[in-house]
Amino acid sequence: MVVFFKILLVIFSLGLIAVVLLQRGKSAGLSGAISGGAEHLFGKQKARGLDLFLQRLTIGLAVGFFILALVVAYFVKG
C-alpha cells in the first residue's frame, strides 16, 4: 500500500513539473513589469483555451501532490 502511494506521488510530482514548464510566462523582462501594473489596474482578459486548461490542471496536480505527500508521511511514520 505504501509503495503504491509513493509511486503515485512520484507520478504526480513529475506531472506537476511538466505542467508548470509547459505554461507560458505571464510577464517577461522590463516590459512585463511595466505592463503588469497596467493590467492589474485596468483588468485583463481571463486566460482561454490551453492556458486555462493548464492552470486548472496545475491546481489539481498540486492539491493531489500535497494530499499524497501527507498520506505517505502518515503511513511512513505510523
N, C-alpha and C. Protein backbone atom coordinates (compact mmCIF):
# COMPACT_ATOMS: atom_id res chain seq x y z
N MET A 1 0.83 -1.20 0.00
CA MET A 1 0.00 0.00 0.00
C MET A 1 0.87 1.25 0.00
N VAL A 2 1.90 1.27 0.82
CA VAL A 2 2.78 2.43 0.90
C VAL A 2 3.53 2.60 -0.41
N VAL A 3 3.93 1.51 -1.02
CA VAL A 3 4.66 1.56 -2.29
C VAL A 3 3.76 2.17 -3.38
N PHE A 4 2.49 1.80 -3.39
CA PHE A 4 1.55 2.36 -4.35
C PHE A 4 1.44 3.87 -4.21
N PHE A 5 1.30 4.35 -2.97
CA PHE A 5 1.20 5.78 -2.73
C PHE A 5 2.48 6.51 -3.10
N LYS A 6 3.63 5.88 -2.86
CA LYS A 6 4.90 6.51 -3.23
C LYS A 6 5.04 6.62 -4.75
N ILE A 7 4.65 5.58 -5.46
CA ILE A 7 4.70 5.62 -6.92
C ILE A 7 3.74 6.68 -7.45
N LEU A 8 2.55 6.75 -6.87
CA LEU A 8 1.58 7.77 -7.26
C LEU A 8 2.10 9.17 -6.97
N LEU A 9 2.81 9.34 -5.87
CA LEU A 9 3.39 10.63 -5.52
C LEU A 9 4.46 11.04 -6.54
N VAL A 10 5.26 10.10 -6.97
CA VAL A 10 6.28 10.40 -7.99
C VAL A 10 5.61 10.78 -9.31
N ILE A 11 4.55 10.08 -9.68
CA ILE A 11 3.84 10.40 -10.92
C ILE A 11 3.24 11.81 -10.84
N PHE A 12 2.63 12.14 -9.71
CA PHE A 12 2.05 13.47 -9.53
C PHE A 12 3.13 14.55 -9.57
N SER A 13 4.26 14.28 -8.95
CA SER A 13 5.32 15.29 -8.94
C SER A 13 5.89 15.51 -10.33
N LEU A 14 6.10 14.45 -11.10
CA LEU A 14 6.59 14.61 -12.47
C LEU A 14 5.56 15.32 -13.34
N GLY A 15 4.30 14.99 -13.15
CA GLY A 15 3.24 15.67 -13.89
C GLY A 15 3.16 17.14 -13.55
N LEU A 16 3.32 17.46 -12.28
CA LEU A 16 3.29 18.86 -11.85
C LEU A 16 4.46 19.63 -12.45
N ILE A 17 5.63 19.05 -12.46
CA ILE A 17 6.79 19.70 -13.06
C ILE A 17 6.55 19.94 -14.55
N ALA A 18 6.04 18.95 -15.25
CA ALA A 18 5.81 19.07 -16.68
C ALA A 18 4.78 20.15 -17.00
N VAL A 19 3.69 20.18 -16.23
CA VAL A 19 2.64 21.16 -16.49
C VAL A 19 3.12 22.58 -16.21
N VAL A 20 3.89 22.76 -15.17
CA VAL A 20 4.42 24.09 -14.85
C VAL A 20 5.37 24.56 -15.95
N LEU A 21 6.19 23.65 -16.45
CA LEU A 21 7.12 24.03 -17.51
C LEU A 21 6.41 24.31 -18.84
N LEU A 22 5.25 23.74 -19.06
CA LEU A 22 4.50 23.99 -20.29
C LEU A 22 3.79 25.34 -20.30
N GLN A 23 3.59 25.92 -19.13
CA GLN A 23 2.84 27.17 -19.06
C GLN A 23 3.66 28.33 -19.60
N ARG A 24 2.95 29.28 -20.17
CA ARG A 24 3.57 30.48 -20.70
C ARG A 24 3.77 31.47 -19.57
N GLY A 25 4.86 32.22 -19.61
CA GLY A 25 5.13 33.23 -18.59
C GLY A 25 4.15 34.36 -18.66
N LYS A 26 3.76 34.88 -17.53
CA LYS A 26 2.78 35.97 -17.51
C LYS A 26 3.40 37.31 -17.88
N SER A 27 4.63 37.53 -17.48
CA SER A 27 5.31 38.77 -17.84
C SER A 27 6.78 38.47 -17.99
N ALA A 28 7.38 39.06 -19.00
CA ALA A 28 8.78 38.78 -19.27
C ALA A 28 9.56 40.08 -19.31
N GLY A 29 10.59 40.15 -18.51
CA GLY A 29 11.50 41.29 -18.56
C GLY A 29 10.90 42.59 -18.06
N LEU A 30 11.52 43.67 -18.47
CA LEU A 30 11.12 45.00 -18.03
C LEU A 30 9.76 45.39 -18.60
N SER A 31 9.49 45.03 -19.85
CA SER A 31 8.20 45.38 -20.45
C SER A 31 7.05 44.69 -19.71
N GLY A 32 7.28 43.49 -19.23
CA GLY A 32 6.26 42.81 -18.46
C GLY A 32 6.03 43.46 -17.11
N ALA A 33 7.10 43.99 -16.53
CA ALA A 33 6.96 44.68 -15.25
C ALA A 33 6.15 45.96 -15.40
N ILE A 34 6.36 46.66 -16.51
CA ILE A 34 5.63 47.91 -16.75
C ILE A 34 4.18 47.61 -17.10
N SER A 35 3.95 46.68 -18.01
CA SER A 35 2.58 46.39 -18.42
C SER A 35 1.82 45.61 -17.35
N GLY A 36 2.54 44.93 -16.47
CA GLY A 36 1.88 44.17 -15.41
C GLY A 36 1.08 45.06 -14.49
N GLY A 37 1.60 46.25 -14.20
CA GLY A 37 0.87 47.19 -13.37
C GLY A 37 -0.37 47.70 -14.06
N ALA A 38 -0.27 47.94 -15.36
CA ALA A 38 -1.43 48.42 -16.11
C ALA A 38 -2.50 47.33 -16.19
N GLU A 39 -2.08 46.09 -16.39
CA GLU A 39 -3.05 45.00 -16.44
C GLU A 39 -3.76 44.85 -15.10
N HIS A 40 -3.03 45.05 -14.02
CA HIS A 40 -3.64 44.94 -12.69
C HIS A 40 -4.63 46.08 -12.48
N LEU A 41 -4.28 47.28 -12.95
CA LEU A 41 -5.13 48.44 -12.74
C LEU A 41 -6.38 48.40 -13.61
N PHE A 42 -6.21 48.09 -14.88
CA PHE A 42 -7.33 48.15 -15.82
C PHE A 42 -7.99 46.81 -16.07
N GLY A 43 -7.46 45.77 -15.53
CA GLY A 43 -8.03 44.44 -15.72
C GLY A 43 -7.45 43.77 -16.94
N LYS A 44 -7.58 42.49 -17.00
CA LYS A 44 -7.03 41.70 -18.09
C LYS A 44 -8.01 40.60 -18.42
N GLN A 45 -8.08 40.23 -19.69
CA GLN A 45 -8.97 39.15 -20.06
C GLN A 45 -8.46 37.85 -19.45
N LYS A 46 -9.40 37.01 -19.09
CA LYS A 46 -9.02 35.73 -18.49
C LYS A 46 -8.35 34.84 -19.53
N ALA A 47 -7.53 33.95 -19.04
CA ALA A 47 -6.83 33.01 -19.92
C ALA A 47 -7.85 32.12 -20.62
N ARG A 48 -7.58 31.81 -21.86
CA ARG A 48 -8.52 30.99 -22.62
C ARG A 48 -7.83 29.76 -23.15
N GLY A 49 -8.63 28.78 -23.45
CA GLY A 49 -8.14 27.60 -24.12
C GLY A 49 -7.11 26.82 -23.33
N LEU A 50 -5.95 26.66 -23.95
CA LEU A 50 -4.90 25.84 -23.36
C LEU A 50 -4.38 26.43 -22.05
N ASP A 51 -4.28 27.76 -21.98
CA ASP A 51 -3.80 28.39 -20.74
C ASP A 51 -4.71 28.08 -19.57
N LEU A 52 -6.00 28.16 -19.79
CA LEU A 52 -6.96 27.88 -18.72
C LEU A 52 -6.89 26.40 -18.32
N PHE A 53 -6.78 25.52 -19.31
CA PHE A 53 -6.67 24.09 -19.02
C PHE A 53 -5.42 23.80 -18.20
N LEU A 54 -4.29 24.39 -18.58
CA LEU A 54 -3.04 24.16 -17.86
C LEU A 54 -3.10 24.71 -16.44
N GLN A 55 -3.77 25.85 -16.25
CA GLN A 55 -3.92 26.40 -14.91
C GLN A 55 -4.72 25.47 -14.01
N ARG A 56 -5.82 24.98 -14.54
CA ARG A 56 -6.67 24.07 -13.74
C ARG A 56 -5.97 22.75 -13.48
N LEU A 57 -5.24 22.25 -14.47
CA LEU A 57 -4.50 21.01 -14.28
C LEU A 57 -3.40 21.19 -13.24
N THR A 58 -2.76 22.34 -13.23
CA THR A 58 -1.72 22.63 -12.23
C THR A 58 -2.31 22.64 -10.83
N ILE A 59 -3.46 23.26 -10.69
CA ILE A 59 -4.11 23.31 -9.38
C ILE A 59 -4.49 21.90 -8.91
N GLY A 60 -5.05 21.11 -9.81
CA GLY A 60 -5.44 19.75 -9.46
C GLY A 60 -4.25 18.88 -9.08
N LEU A 61 -3.17 18.98 -9.87
CA LEU A 61 -1.98 18.20 -9.56
C LEU A 61 -1.32 18.66 -8.26
N ALA A 62 -1.34 19.96 -8.00
CA ALA A 62 -0.74 20.46 -6.76
C ALA A 62 -1.52 19.99 -5.54
N VAL A 63 -2.84 20.04 -5.62
CA VAL A 63 -3.66 19.57 -4.50
C VAL A 63 -3.44 18.07 -4.28
N GLY A 64 -3.43 17.31 -5.38
CA GLY A 64 -3.18 15.88 -5.27
C GLY A 64 -1.81 15.57 -4.71
N PHE A 65 -0.81 16.35 -5.12
CA PHE A 65 0.55 16.15 -4.63
C PHE A 65 0.62 16.37 -3.12
N PHE A 66 0.03 17.45 -2.63
CA PHE A 66 0.09 17.73 -1.19
C PHE A 66 -0.69 16.70 -0.38
N ILE A 67 -1.83 16.26 -0.88
CA ILE A 67 -2.59 15.24 -0.16
C ILE A 67 -1.82 13.93 -0.12
N LEU A 68 -1.24 13.55 -1.27
CA LEU A 68 -0.46 12.31 -1.30
C LEU A 68 0.78 12.40 -0.42
N ALA A 69 1.41 13.57 -0.38
CA ALA A 69 2.58 13.74 0.48
C ALA A 69 2.19 13.55 1.94
N LEU A 70 1.04 14.08 2.34
CA LEU A 70 0.58 13.89 3.72
C LEU A 70 0.24 12.43 4.01
N VAL A 71 -0.40 11.78 3.05
CA VAL A 71 -0.76 10.36 3.23
C VAL A 71 0.49 9.50 3.35
N VAL A 72 1.47 9.72 2.48
CA VAL A 72 2.71 8.95 2.54
C VAL A 72 3.44 9.22 3.85
N ALA A 73 3.49 10.46 4.29
CA ALA A 73 4.14 10.78 5.55
C ALA A 73 3.44 10.11 6.72
N TYR A 74 2.11 10.05 6.67
CA TYR A 74 1.36 9.40 7.75
C TYR A 74 1.65 7.90 7.80
N PHE A 75 1.67 7.25 6.64
CA PHE A 75 1.91 5.81 6.61
C PHE A 75 3.35 5.46 6.95
N VAL A 76 4.29 6.29 6.56
CA VAL A 76 5.69 6.01 6.86
C VAL A 76 5.96 6.18 8.35
N LYS A 77 5.36 7.21 8.94
CA LYS A 77 5.58 7.47 10.35
C LYS A 77 4.82 6.46 11.23
N GLY A 78 3.61 6.11 10.80
CA GLY A 78 2.76 5.24 11.62
C GLY A 78 2.98 3.85 11.39
